[in-house]
Amino acid sequence: MFEFFTQEIAIDLGTANTLVMHNDKVVIDEPSIVAKDIRTDKVVAVGREAEQMHGKTHKGIETIRPLKDGVIADFTAAEYMIRGLLKMLNTSRFFSPSLRMVICIPSGITEVEKRAVKDSAEHAGAKEVYLIHEPMAAAIGLGIEVKDPYGNMIIDIGGGTTEIAVISLGGIVRDNSIRIAGDKFTNDIKDYMKRQHNIDIGDRTAERIKIEVGSAIPELDDPPEDCAVRGVDTMTGIPKEIMISYNEIAHAIDKSITDIVQGVLKVLEETPPELAADIYKTGIYLTGGGALLRGLDKRISNKTQLMVHVAEDPLKAVVRGTGVALKNLKNYPFLMR
């Protein structure tokens, strides 16, 4: 009877976006942000609606991103966000089902940060909460048999962290969790625009630049068209527009990309020889939103001399793997409670 009334939900609780899988479908894909009325302390919007307010609010409304660098930075806002997203699910009005959740977390998370994730989920209504490391979830989402005695290397580049891991026998053999990812690229672009063009832009504009002309290398075979950027001239205080090319963005985020590549090389150096031999045959798998950055696979491949495969749908690989783990809890003993 308990199983009949249990609703199962898989959550990729990301710094930039949160995805929810229910009944083998991704039913929610929303930005990880909430908008709060400062006077009443009530949440007025969650997800995409709150994102549209970001950078455009008056003093009565505040937008909050509950997660920073892949972990919960604002416990209360995270709880409100999870509650708000779950309300978007079409649940039965005749009973309130028990919630079982599997939530993915960065591999470098501390015990305190783990507790914050569990507490937020439980306060939002979950009766059972399981945790799974992001690289493991990504590997499962890619269809890799993670329990086999075979080495696979995963690079998951999200909004707050880049997770680099070598997986074998259902466990993480070597890993490196770097707090450099999509948000850092966005800040790099903002800094570059201010420094090189004397133009002040917001987070949403920098994000749009990253998507439209973002590149990890200065020379692409199929370059995107230049992007129009509007912001405030820091010298005159008057709004203006300039055109930006992908070459400039490659230069703006070069340091952050270099740090990620160095993190990959570090994990490869520490990988046991037998697993390194496996990785030489299979290559490296790229997932997460950062995997969509133009030329990133080529840059990592040139540096490591290994094949680099970009996941077919890199944004949803982690939540798909989390959903598979949710359906097969007994088959994945590495899930944490």
C-alpha atoms as a PDB file:
ATOM      1  CA  MET A   1       0.000   0.000   0.000  1.00  0.00           C
ATOM      2  CA  PHE A   2       2.852   2.388   0.868  1.00  0.00           C
ATOM      3  CA  GLU A   3       4.519   1.652  -2.491  1.00  0.00           C
ATOM      4  CA  PHE A   4       1.222   2.314  -4.314  1.00  0.00           C
ATOM      5  CA  PHE A   5       0.936   5.780  -2.780  1.00  0.00           C
ATOM      6  CA  THR A   6       4.623   6.644  -3.221  1.00  0.00           C
ATOM      7  CA  GLN A   7       5.485   9.201  -5.856  1.00  0.00           C
ATOM      8  CA  GLU A   8       9.050   8.930  -7.173  1.00  0.00           C
ATOM      9  CA  ILE A   9      10.952  11.964  -8.398  1.00  0.00           C
ATOM     10  CA  ALA A  10      14.511  12.358  -9.683  1.00  0.00           C
ATOM     11  CA  ILE A  11      16.057  15.822  -9.324  1.00  0.00           C
ATOM     12  CA  ASP A  12      19.138  17.359 -10.895  1.00  0.00           C
ATOM     13  CA  LEU A  13      19.482  20.234  -8.442  1.00  0.00           C
ATOM     14  CA  GLY A  14      21.815  22.490 -10.408  1.00  0.00           C
ATOM     15  CA  THR A  15      23.361  25.889  -9.772  1.00  0.00           C
ATOM     16  CA  ALA A  16      21.935  27.285 -13.022  1.00  0.00           C
ATOM     17  CA  ASN A  17      18.988  24.975 -13.781  1.00  0.00           C
ATOM     18  CA  THR A  18      16.958  22.360 -11.939  1.00  0.00           C
ATOM     19  CA  LEU A  19      15.506  19.413 -13.836  1.00  0.00           C
ATOM     20  CA  VAL A  20      12.883  17.040 -12.456  1.00  0.00           C
ATOM     21  CA  MET A  21      12.095  13.607 -13.887  1.00  0.00           C
ATOM     22  CA  HIS A  22       8.803  11.872 -13.129  1.00  0.00           C
ATOM     23  CA  ASN A  23       7.450   8.681 -14.751  1.00  0.00           C
ATOM     24  CA  ASP A  24      10.533   8.451 -17.011  1.00  0.00           C
ATOM     25  CA  LYS A  25       9.987  11.942 -18.439  1.00  0.00           C
ATOM     26  CA  VAL A  26      11.708  15.258 -17.762  1.00  0.00           C
ATOM     27  CA  VAL A  27       8.669  17.227 -16.635  1.00  0.00           C
ATOM     28  CA  ILE A  28      10.396  20.302 -15.225  1.00  0.00           C
ATOM     29  CA  ASP A  29      13.374  22.214 -16.607  1.00  0.00           C
ATOM     30  CA  GLU A  30      13.550  25.575 -14.871  1.00  0.00           C
ATOM     31  CA  PRO A  31      16.258  28.070 -13.847  1.00  0.00           C
ATOM     32  CA  SER A  32      17.366  27.656 -10.205  1.00  0.00           C
ATOM     33  CA  ILE A  33      16.131  31.010  -8.964  1.00  0.00           C
ATOM     34  CA  VAL A  34      13.371  32.407  -6.765  1.00  0.00           C
ATOM     35  CA  ALA A  35      11.914  35.909  -6.415  1.00  0.00           C
ATOM     36  CA  LYS A  36      10.864  37.067  -2.951  1.00  0.00           C
ATOM     37  CA  ASP A  37       8.807  39.997  -1.695  1.00  0.00           C
ATOM     38  CA  ILE A  38      11.110  41.606   0.882  1.00  0.00           C
ATOM     39  CA  ARG A  39       8.253  43.225   2.831  1.00  0.00           C
ATOM     40  CA  THR A  40       6.214  40.043   3.375  1.00  0.00           C
ATOM     41  CA  ASP A  41       9.082  37.528   2.986  1.00  0.00           C
ATOM     42  CA  LYS A  42       6.884  35.530   0.596  1.00  0.00           C
ATOM     43  CA  VAL A  43       8.080  33.899  -2.629  1.00  0.00           C
ATOM     44  CA  VAL A  44       6.356  35.530  -5.603  1.00  0.00           C
ATOM     45  CA  ALA A  45       7.934  33.529  -8.429  1.00  0.00           C
ATOM     46  CA  VAL A  46      10.055  30.425  -9.033  1.00  0.00           C
ATOM     47  CA  GLY A  47      12.070  29.271 -12.010  1.00  0.00           C
ATOM     48  CA  ARG A  48      11.663  30.913 -15.417  1.00  0.00           C
ATOM     49  CA  GLU A  49       9.227  33.524 -14.138  1.00  0.00           C
ATOM     50  CA  ALA A  50      11.718  34.567 -11.447  1.00  0.00           C
ATOM     51  CA  GLU A  51      14.578  34.602 -13.961  1.00  0.00           C
ATOM     52  CA  GLN A  52      12.693  37.141 -16.087  1.00  0.00           C
ATOM     53  CA  MET A  53      12.701  39.436 -13.052  1.00  0.00           C
ATOM     54  CA  HIS A  54      16.448  38.994 -12.392  1.00  0.00           C
ATOM     55  CA  GLY A  55      18.281  42.304 -12.737  1.00  0.00           C
ATOM     56  CA  LYS A  56      15.002  44.184 -13.302  1.00  0.00           C
ATOM     57  CA  THR A  57      13.442  44.290  -9.824  1.00  0.00           C
ATOM     58  CA  HIS A  58      12.541  47.271  -7.656  1.00  0.00           C
ATOM     59  CA  LYS A  59      13.566  47.505  -4.005  1.00  0.00           C
ATOM     60  CA  GLY A  60      10.493  45.557  -2.856  1.00  0.00           C
ATOM     61  CA  ILE A  61      11.455  42.354  -4.695  1.00  0.00           C
ATOM     62  CA  GLU A  62      14.674  40.365  -4.464  1.00  0.00           C
ATOM     63  CA  THR A  63      15.824  37.539  -6.729  1.00  0.00           C
ATOM     64  CA  ILE A  64      17.864  34.758  -5.099  1.00  0.00           C
ATOM     65  CA  ARG A  65      19.853  31.892  -6.574  1.00  0.00           C
ATOM     66  CA  PRO A  66      19.780  29.320  -3.742  1.00  0.00           C
ATOM     67  CA  LEU A  67      22.754  27.324  -5.033  1.00  0.00           C
ATOM     68  CA  LYS A  68      26.312  28.517  -5.427  1.00  0.00           C
ATOM     69  CA  ASP A  69      29.202  26.420  -6.762  1.00  0.00           C
ATOM     70  CA  GLY A  70      26.955  23.368  -6.930  1.00  0.00           C
ATOM     71  CA  VAL A  71      25.852  23.459  -3.282  1.00  0.00           C
ATOM     72  CA  ILE A  72      23.058  25.120  -1.307  1.00  0.00           C
ATOM     73  CA  ALA A  73      24.025  28.622  -0.218  1.00  0.00           C
ATOM     74  CA  ASP A  74      20.560  29.744   0.959  1.00  0.00           C
ATOM     75  CA  PHE A  75      18.739  26.935   2.781  1.00  0.00           C
ATOM     76  CA  THR A  76      15.345  28.670   3.012  1.00  0.00           C
ATOM     77  CA  ALA A  77      15.330  29.788  -0.622  1.00  0.00           C
ATOM     78  CA  ALA A  78      16.311  26.260  -1.740  1.00  0.00           C
ATOM     79  CA  GLU A  79      13.381  24.779   0.178  1.00  0.00           C
ATOM     80  CA  TYR A  80      10.976  27.311  -1.350  1.00  0.00           C
ATOM     81  CA  MET A  81      12.383  26.601  -4.806  1.00  0.00           C
ATOM     82  CA  ILE A  82      11.962  22.817  -4.482  1.00  0.00           C
ATOM     83  CA  ARG A  83       8.412  23.288  -3.149  1.00  0.00           C
ATOM     84  CA  GLY A  84       7.562  25.665  -6.004  1.00  0.00           C
ATOM     85  CA  LEU A  85       8.913  23.310  -8.648  1.00  0.00           C
ATOM     86  CA  LEU A  86       7.077  20.308  -7.188  1.00  0.00           C
ATOM     87  CA  LYS A  87       3.823  22.268  -7.317  1.00  0.00           C
ATOM     88  CA  MET A  88       4.245  22.342 -11.103  1.00  0.00           C
ATOM     89  CA  LEU A  89       3.765  18.551 -11.137  1.00  0.00           C
ATOM     90  CA  ASN A  90       0.252  17.285 -11.810  1.00  0.00           C
ATOM     91  CA  THR A  91      -0.432  15.209  -8.695  1.00  0.00           C
ATOM     92  CA  SER A  92      -3.744  13.683  -7.719  1.00  0.00           C
ATOM     93  CA  ARG A  93      -6.103  15.937  -5.792  1.00  0.00           C
ATOM     94  CA  PHE A  94      -7.572  12.954  -3.898  1.00  0.00           C
ATOM     95  CA  PHE A  95      -4.517  12.091  -1.809  1.00  0.00           C
ATOM     96  CA  SER A  96      -1.112  13.434  -0.914  1.00  0.00           C
ATOM     97  CA  PRO A  97       1.400  10.765  -1.976  1.00  0.00           C
ATOM     98  CA  SER A  98       4.593  10.042  -0.099  1.00  0.00           C
ATOM     99  CA  LEU A  99       7.559  11.457  -1.955  1.00  0.00           C
ATOM    100  CA  ARG A 100      10.702   9.469  -2.680  1.00  0.00           C
ATOM    101  CA  MET A 101      13.506  11.546  -4.189  1.00  0.00           C
ATOM    102  CA  VAL A 102      16.901  10.849  -5.677  1.00  0.00           C
ATOM    103  CA  ILE A 103      18.979  14.042  -5.912  1.00  0.00           C
ATOM    104  CA  CYS A 104      22.366  14.330  -7.590  1.00  0.00           C
ATOM    105  CA  ILE A 105      25.194  16.175  -5.816  1.00  0.00           C
ATOM    106  CA  PRO A 106      28.780  17.193  -6.703  1.00  0.00           C
ATOM    107  CA  SER A 107      31.420  14.563  -5.932  1.00  0.00           C
ATOM    108  CA  GLY A 108      33.421  17.057  -3.856  1.00  0.00           C
ATOM    109  CA  ILE A 109      30.543  17.961  -1.544  1.00  0.00           C
ATOM    110  CA  THR A 110      31.120  18.041   2.236  1.00  0.00           C
ATOM    111  CA  GLU A 111      29.006  16.252   4.849  1.00  0.00           C
ATOM    112  CA  VAL A 112      27.507  19.571   5.948  1.00  0.00           C
ATOM    113  CA  GLU A 113      26.547  20.400   2.357  1.00  0.00           C
ATOM    114  CA  LYS A 114      25.032  16.911   1.938  1.00  0.00           C
ATOM    115  CA  ARG A 115      22.941  17.476   5.031  1.00  0.00           C
ATOM    116  CA  ALA A 116      21.697  20.803   3.636  1.00  0.00           C
ATOM    117  CA  VAL A 117      20.481  19.092   0.443  1.00  0.00           C
ATOM    118  CA  LYS A 118      18.677  16.355   2.393  1.00  0.00           C
ATOM    119  CA  ASP A 119      17.125  18.793   4.853  1.00  0.00           C
ATOM    120  CA  SER A 120      15.846  21.043   2.046  1.00  0.00           C
ATOM    121  CA  ALA A 121      14.245  18.068   0.286  1.00  0.00           C
ATOM    122  CA  GLU A 122      12.691  16.732   3.501  1.00  0.00           C
ATOM    123  CA  HIS A 123      11.314  20.137   4.464  1.00  0.00           C
ATOM    124  CA  ALA A 124       9.826  20.385   0.963  1.00  0.00           C
ATOM    125  CA  GLY A 125       7.867  17.173   1.610  1.00  0.00           C
ATOM    126  CA  ALA A 126      10.136  14.223   0.773  1.00  0.00           C
ATOM    127  CA  LYS A 127       9.761  11.133   2.978  1.00  0.00           C
ATOM    128  CA  GLU A 128      12.760   9.282   1.525  1.00  0.00           C
ATOM    129  CA  VAL A 129      15.810  11.053   0.097  1.00  0.00           C
ATOM    130  CA  TYR A 130      18.704   9.365  -1.722  1.00  0.00           C
ATOM    131  CA  LEU A 131      21.797  11.134  -3.035  1.00  0.00           C
ATOM    132  CA  ILE A 132      23.930  10.242  -6.040  1.00  0.00           C
ATOM    133  CA  HIS A 133      27.153  11.847  -7.255  1.00  0.00           C
ATOM    134  CA  GLU A 134      26.788  13.811 -10.502  1.00  0.00           C
ATOM    135  CA  PRO A 135      29.510  11.982 -12.500  1.00  0.00           C
ATOM    136  CA  MET A 136      27.919   8.631 -11.607  1.00  0.00           C
ATOM    137  CA  ALA A 137      24.466   9.884 -12.609  1.00  0.00           C
ATOM    138  CA  ALA A 138      25.879  11.268 -15.864  1.00  0.00           C
ATOM    139  CA  ALA A 139      27.542   7.926 -16.682  1.00  0.00           C
ATOM    140  CA  ILE A 140      24.285   6.029 -16.038  1.00  0.00           C
ATOM    141  CA  GLY A 141      22.430   8.589 -18.166  1.00  0.00           C
ATOM    142  CA  LEU A 142      24.856   7.944 -21.026  1.00  0.00           C
ATOM    143  CA  GLY A 143      24.061   4.223 -20.883  1.00  0.00           C
ATOM    144  CA  ILE A 144      27.437   3.187 -19.454  1.00  0.00           C
ATOM    145  CA  GLU A 145      27.435  -0.020 -17.395  1.00  0.00           C
ATOM    146  CA  VAL A 146      28.965   1.589 -14.320  1.00  0.00           C
ATOM    147  CA  LYS A 147      29.145  -1.674 -12.339  1.00  0.00           C
ATOM    148  CA  ASP A 148      31.425  -3.363 -14.881  1.00  0.00           C
ATOM    149  CA  PRO A 149      35.179  -3.716 -14.155  1.00  0.00           C
ATOM    150  CA  TYR A 150      35.973  -1.188 -16.844  1.00  0.00           C
ATOM    151  CA  GLY A 151      37.242   2.379 -16.613  1.00  0.00           C
ATOM    152  CA  ASN A 152      35.224   5.313 -17.979  1.00  0.00           C
ATOM    153  CA  MET A 153      36.025   8.999 -17.640  1.00  0.00           C
ATOM    154  CA  ILE A 154      33.224  11.553 -17.284  1.00  0.00           C
ATOM    155  CA  ILE A 155      33.493  15.358 -17.384  1.00  0.00           C
ATOM    156  CA  ASP A 156      30.254  17.040 -16.285  1.00  0.00           C
ATOM    157  CA  ILE A 157      30.378  20.831 -16.660  1.00  0.00           C
ATOM    158  CA  GLY A 158      27.405  22.433 -14.943  1.00  0.00           C
ATOM    159  CA  GLY A 159      26.675  25.944 -13.747  1.00  0.00           C
ATOM    160  CA  GLY A 160      28.679  25.926 -10.523  1.00  0.00           C
ATOM    161  CA  THR A 161      31.095  23.004 -10.737  1.00  0.00           C
ATOM    162  CA  THR A 162      32.984  20.863 -13.200  1.00  0.00           C
ATOM    163  CA  GLU A 163      32.954  17.216 -12.093  1.00  0.00           C
ATOM    164  CA  ILE A 164      35.768  15.065 -13.473  1.00  0.00           C
ATOM    165  CA  ALA A 165      35.697  11.389 -12.501  1.00  0.00           C
ATOM    166  CA  VAL A 166      36.984   7.960 -13.449  1.00  0.00           C
ATOM    167  CA  ILE A 167      34.340   5.311 -12.740  1.00  0.00           C
ATOM    168  CA  SER A 168      34.705   1.541 -12.374  1.00  0.00           C
ATOM    169  CA  LEU A 169      32.852  -1.245 -10.513  1.00  0.00           C
ATOM    170  CA  GLY A 170      30.044   1.059  -9.423  1.00  0.00           C
ATOM    171  CA  GLY A 171      32.353   3.536  -7.704  1.00  0.00           C
ATOM    172  CA  ILE A 172      34.405   6.662  -8.332  1.00  0.00           C
ATOM    173  CA  VAL A 173      38.082   5.682  -8.458  1.00  0.00           C
ATOM    174  CA  ARG A 174      39.544   9.163  -9.026  1.00  0.00           C
ATOM    175  CA  ASP A 175      37.742  12.478  -9.104  1.00  0.00           C
ATOM    176  CA  ASN A 176      38.256  16.212  -9.119  1.00  0.00           C
ATOM    177  CA  SER A 177      35.464  18.681  -8.372  1.00  0.00           C
ATOM    178  CA  ILE A 178      36.432  22.136  -9.655  1.00  0.00           C
ATOM    179  CA  ARG A 179      34.339  25.174  -8.776  1.00  0.00           C
ATOM    180  CA  ILE A 180      34.835  26.593 -12.251  1.00  0.00           C
ATOM    181  CA  ALA A 181      31.989  26.116 -14.733  1.00  0.00           C
ATOM    182  CA  GLY A 182      29.213  27.980 -16.556  1.00  0.00           C
ATOM    183  CA  ASP A 183      28.772  30.734 -13.946  1.00  0.00           C
ATOM    184  CA  LYS A 184      32.513  31.447 -14.017  1.00  0.00           C
ATOM    185  CA  PHE A 185      32.395  31.728 -17.818  1.00  0.00           C
ATOM    186  CA  THR A 186      29.533  34.221 -17.451  1.00  0.00           C
ATOM    187  CA  ASN A 187      31.503  36.333 -14.955  1.00  0.00           C
ATOM    188  CA  ASP A 188      34.586  36.166 -17.193  1.00  0.00           C
ATOM    189  CA  ILE A 189      32.532  37.596 -20.057  1.00  0.00           C
ATOM    190  CA  LYS A 190      31.159  40.400 -17.870  1.00  0.00           C
ATOM    191  CA  ASP A 191      34.674  41.312 -16.689  1.00  0.00           C
ATOM    192  CA  TYR A 192      36.038  41.219 -20.242  1.00  0.00           C
ATOM    193  CA  MET A 193      33.293  43.517 -21.558  1.00  0.00           C
ATOM    194  CA  LYS A 194      33.952  46.040 -18.814  1.00  0.00           C
ATOM    195  CA  ARG A 195      37.730  45.860 -19.167  1.00  0.00           C
ATOM    196  CA  GLN A 196      38.050  45.821 -22.961  1.00  0.00           C
ATOM    197  CA  HIS A 197      34.970  47.718 -24.134  1.00  0.00           C
ATOM    198  CA  ASN A 198      34.016  49.893 -21.134  1.00  0.00           C
ATOM    199  CA  ILE A 199      30.519  48.439 -21.180  1.00  0.00           C
ATOM    200  CA  ASP A 200      28.656  47.141 -18.147  1.00  0.00           C
ATOM    201  CA  ILE A 201      26.323  44.190 -18.797  1.00  0.00           C
ATOM    202  CA  GLY A 202      24.140  41.984 -16.601  1.00  0.00           C
ATOM    203  CA  ASP A 203      24.167  38.248 -15.970  1.00  0.00           C
ATOM    204  CA  ARG A 204      21.398  37.501 -18.474  1.00  0.00           C
ATOM    205  CA  THR A 205      23.185  39.373 -21.269  1.00  0.00           C
ATOM    206  CA  ALA A 206      26.482  37.623 -20.494  1.00  0.00           C
ATOM    207  CA  GLU A 207      24.663  34.279 -20.530  1.00  0.00           C
ATOM    208  CA  ARG A 208      23.172  35.092 -23.939  1.00  0.00           C
ATOM    209  CA  ILE A 209      26.630  36.002 -25.293  1.00  0.00           C
ATOM    210  CA  LYS A 210      28.002  32.696 -23.995  1.00  0.00           C
ATOM    211  CA  ILE A 211      25.264  30.747 -25.772  1.00  0.00           C
ATOM    212  CA  GLU A 212      25.362  32.683 -29.054  1.00  0.00           C
ATOM    213  CA  VAL A 213      29.125  33.144 -29.570  1.00  0.00           C
ATOM    214  CA  GLY A 214      30.804  31.205 -26.755  1.00  0.00           C
ATOM    215  CA  SER A 215      33.907  29.269 -27.802  1.00  0.00           C
ATOM    216  CA  ALA A 216      36.763  27.423 -26.106  1.00  0.00           C
ATOM    217  CA  ILE A 217      39.133  27.916 -29.056  1.00  0.00           C
ATOM    218  CA  PRO A 218      39.918  31.042 -31.134  1.00  0.00           C
ATOM    219  CA  GLU A 219      39.516  29.323 -34.512  1.00  0.00           C
ATOM    220  CA  LEU A 220      36.365  27.409 -35.434  1.00  0.00           C
ATOM    221  CA  ASP A 221      35.567  25.597 -38.674  1.00  0.00           C
ATOM    222  CA  ASP A 222      31.959  26.803 -38.546  1.00  0.00           C
ATOM    223  CA  PRO A 223      32.055  30.142 -36.650  1.00  0.00           C
ATOM    224  CA  PRO A 224      28.855  31.799 -35.394  1.00  0.00           C
ATOM    225  CA  GLU A 225      27.884  35.295 -36.509  1.00  0.00           C
ATOM    226  CA  ASP A 226      28.913  38.232 -34.330  1.00  0.00           C
ATOM    227  CA  CYS A 227      26.586  39.034 -31.455  1.00  0.00           C
ATOM    228  CA  ALA A 228      25.029  42.443 -30.705  1.00  0.00           C
ATOM    229  CA  VAL A 229      25.588  43.415 -27.069  1.00  0.00           C
ATOM    230  CA  ARG A 230      23.756  46.232 -25.304  1.00  0.00           C
ATOM    231  CA  GLY A 231      24.793  47.673 -21.970  1.00  0.00           C
ATOM    232  CA  VAL A 232      25.838  50.816 -20.129  1.00  0.00           C
ATOM    233  CA  ASP A 233      28.919  52.771 -21.187  1.00  0.00           C
ATOM    234  CA  THR A 234      31.024  52.985 -18.005  1.00  0.00           C
ATOM    235  CA  MET A 235      32.577  56.276 -19.166  1.00  0.00           C
ATOM    236  CA  THR A 236      29.395  58.195 -19.992  1.00  0.00           C
ATOM    237  CA  GLY A 237      26.659  56.218 -18.213  1.00  0.00           C
ATOM    238  CA  ILE A 238      24.668  56.109 -21.469  1.00  0.00           C
ATOM    239  CA  PRO A 239      23.339  52.827 -22.949  1.00  0.00           C
ATOM    240  CA  LYS A 240      25.176  51.657 -26.074  1.00  0.00           C
ATOM    241  CA  GLU A 241      25.500  48.676 -28.404  1.00  0.00           C
ATOM    242  CA  ILE A 242      28.620  46.919 -29.705  1.00  0.00           C
ATOM    243  CA  MET A 243      29.311  43.778 -31.759  1.00  0.00           C
ATOM    244  CA  ILE A 244      31.260  40.873 -30.236  1.00  0.00           C
ATOM    245  CA  SER A 245      32.892  37.952 -32.059  1.00  0.00           C
ATOM    246  CA  TYR A 246      33.507  34.398 -30.844  1.00  0.00           C
ATOM    247  CA  ASN A 247      37.284  35.049 -30.910  1.00  0.00           C
ATOM    248  CA  GLU A 248      36.903  37.633 -28.155  1.00  0.00           C
ATOM    249  CA  ILE A 249      34.835  35.299 -25.991  1.00  0.00           C
ATOM    250  CA  ALA A 250      37.412  32.527 -26.480  1.00  0.00           C
ATOM    251  CA  HIS A 251      39.993  34.961 -25.142  1.00  0.00           C
ATOM    252  CA  ALA A 252      37.715  36.077 -22.272  1.00  0.00           C
ATOM    253  CA  ILE A 253      37.157  32.561 -20.890  1.00  0.00           C
ATOM    254  CA  ASP A 254      40.555  31.107 -21.821  1.00  0.00           C
ATOM    255  CA  LYS A 255      41.918  31.069 -18.233  1.00  0.00           C
ATOM    256  CA  SER A 256      38.881  29.199 -16.897  1.00  0.00           C
ATOM    257  CA  ILE A 257      39.016  26.637 -19.720  1.00  0.00           C
ATOM    258  CA  THR A 258      42.730  26.114 -19.048  1.00  0.00           C
ATOM    259  CA  ASP A 259      41.973  25.411 -15.368  1.00  0.00           C
ATOM    260  CA  ILE A 260      39.398  22.780 -16.349  1.00  0.00           C
ATOM    261  CA  VAL A 261      41.824  21.114 -18.775  1.00  0.00           C
ATOM    262  CA  GLN A 262      44.486  21.052 -16.053  1.00  0.00           C
ATOM    263  CA  GLY A 263      41.961  19.382 -13.750  1.00  0.00           C
ATOM    264  CA  VAL A 264      41.358  16.702 -16.392  1.00  0.00           C
ATOM    265  CA  LEU A 265      45.107  16.088 -16.769  1.00  0.00           C
ATOM    266  CA  LYS A 266      45.474  15.799 -12.988  1.00  0.00           C
ATOM    267  CA  VAL A 267      42.824  13.061 -12.799  1.00  0.00           C
ATOM    268  CA  LEU A 268      44.402  11.211 -15.725  1.00  0.00           C
ATOM    269  CA  GLU A 269      47.810  11.317 -14.012  1.00  0.00           C
ATOM    270  CA  GLU A 270      46.323   9.758 -10.850  1.00  0.00           C
ATOM    271  CA  THR A 271      44.329   7.068 -12.681  1.00  0.00           C
ATOM    272  CA  PRO A 272      45.583   3.465 -12.207  1.00  0.00           C
ATOM    273  CA  PRO A 273      47.274   2.104 -15.369  1.00  0.00           C
ATOM    274  CA  GLU A 274      44.678  -0.594 -16.128  1.00  0.00           C
ATOM    275  CA  LEU A 275      41.845   1.950 -16.018  1.00  0.00           C
ATOM    276  CA  ALA A 276      43.918   4.440 -18.041  1.00  0.00           C
ATOM    277  CA  ALA A 277      44.235   1.752 -20.725  1.00  0.00           C
ATOM    278  CA  ASP A 278      40.442   1.422 -20.810  1.00  0.00           C
ATOM    279  CA  ILE A 279      40.009   5.200 -21.137  1.00  0.00           C
ATOM    280  CA  TYR A 280      42.480   5.233 -24.025  1.00  0.00           C
ATOM    281  CA  LYS A 281      40.120   2.886 -25.897  1.00  0.00           C
ATOM    282  CA  THR A 282      36.796   4.473 -24.957  1.00  0.00           C
ATOM    283  CA  GLY A 283      37.788   8.136 -24.693  1.00  0.00           C
ATOM    284  CA  ILE A 284      36.311  10.855 -22.482  1.00  0.00           C
ATOM    285  CA  TYR A 285      32.598  11.664 -22.178  1.00  0.00           C
ATOM    286  CA  LEU A 286      31.455  15.305 -21.907  1.00  0.00           C
ATOM    287  CA  THR A 287      28.097  16.159 -20.305  1.00  0.00           C
ATOM    288  CA  GLY A 288      26.396  19.189 -18.761  1.00  0.00           C
ATOM    289  CA  GLY A 289      25.611  22.578 -20.261  1.00  0.00           C
ATOM    290  CA  GLY A 290      29.317  23.387 -20.606  1.00  0.00           C
ATOM    291  CA  ALA A 291      29.655  20.498 -23.080  1.00  0.00           C
ATOM    292  CA  LEU A 292      27.769  22.686 -25.588  1.00  0.00           C
ATOM    293  CA  LEU A 293      30.585  25.255 -25.619  1.00  0.00           C
ATOM    294  CA  ARG A 294      31.982  25.347 -29.157  1.00  0.00           C
ATOM    295  CA  GLY A 295      35.385  23.712 -29.567  1.00  0.00           C
ATOM    296  CA  LEU A 296      35.661  22.452 -25.985  1.00  0.00           C
ATOM    297  CA  ASP A 297      35.805  18.800 -27.038  1.00  0.00           C
ATOM    298  CA  LYS A 298      38.536  19.634 -29.560  1.00  0.00           C
ATOM    299  CA  ARG A 299      40.584  21.557 -26.984  1.00  0.00           C
ATOM    300  CA  ILE A 300      40.445  18.728 -24.423  1.00  0.00           C
ATOM    301  CA  SER A 301      41.222  16.174 -27.126  1.00  0.00           C
ATOM    302  CA  ASN A 302      44.269  18.127 -28.340  1.00  0.00           C
ATOM    303  CA  LYS A 303      45.622  18.373 -24.800  1.00  0.00           C
ATOM    304  CA  THR A 304      44.986  14.771 -23.724  1.00  0.00           C
ATOM    305  CA  GLN A 305      45.436  13.069 -27.113  1.00  0.00           C
ATOM    306  CA  LEU A 306      42.244  11.116 -26.368  1.00  0.00           C
ATOM    307  CA  MET A 307      38.880  10.905 -28.110  1.00  0.00           C
ATOM    308  CA  VAL A 308      36.266  13.192 -26.557  1.00  0.00           C
ATOM    309  CA  HIS A 309      32.572  12.365 -27.002  1.00  0.00           C
ATOM    310  CA  VAL A 310      29.905  15.006 -26.384  1.00  0.00           C
ATOM    311  CA  ALA A 311      26.687  13.455 -25.030  1.00  0.00           C
ATOM    312  CA  GLU A 312      23.724  13.490 -27.397  1.00  0.00           C
ATOM    313  CA  ASP A 313      21.661  15.591 -24.974  1.00  0.00           C
ATOM    314  CA  PRO A 314      24.285  16.779 -22.470  1.00  0.00           C
ATOM    315  CA  LEU A 315      21.917  18.983 -20.444  1.00  0.00           C
ATOM    316  CA  LYS A 316      19.708  16.027 -19.491  1.00  0.00           C
ATOM    317  CA  ALA A 317      22.299  13.250 -19.077  1.00  0.00           C
ATOM    318  CA  VAL A 318      22.534  13.710 -15.294  1.00  0.00           C
ATOM    319  CA  VAL A 319      18.792  13.799 -14.618  1.00  0.00           C
ATOM    320  CA  ARG A 320      18.257  10.787 -16.926  1.00  0.00           C
ATOM    321  CA  GLY A 321      20.835   8.822 -14.935  1.00  0.00           C
ATOM    322  CA  THR A 322      19.259   9.959 -11.678  1.00  0.00           C
ATOM    323  CA  GLY A 323      15.904   8.723 -12.977  1.00  0.00           C
ATOM    324  CA  VAL A 324      17.353   5.307 -13.871  1.00  0.00           C
ATOM    325  CA  ALA A 325      18.889   5.016 -10.388  1.00  0.00           C
ATOM    326  CA  LEU A 326      15.514   5.942  -8.855  1.00  0.00           C
ATOM    327  CA  LYS A 327      13.804   3.077 -10.708  1.00  0.00           C
ATOM    328  CA  ASN A 328      16.502   0.584  -9.698  1.00  0.00           C
ATOM    329  CA  LEU A 329      17.429   1.496  -6.122  1.00  0.00           C
ATOM    330  CA  LYS A 330      18.394  -2.094  -5.231  1.00  0.00           C
ATOM    331  CA  ASN A 331      20.758  -2.333  -8.198  1.00  0.00           C
ATOM    332  CA  TYR A 332      22.721   0.759  -7.210  1.00  0.00           C
ATOM    333  CA  PRO A 333      24.051   0.226  -3.657  1.00  0.00           C
ATOM    334  CA  PHE A 334      26.284   3.317  -3.970  1.00  0.00           C
ATOM    335  CA  LEU A 335      23.263   5.608  -3.485  1.00  0.00           C
ATOM    336  CA  MET A 336      23.579   7.542  -0.229  1.00  0.00           C
ATOM    337  CA  ARG A 337      20.847   8.107   2.359  1.00  0.00           C
END
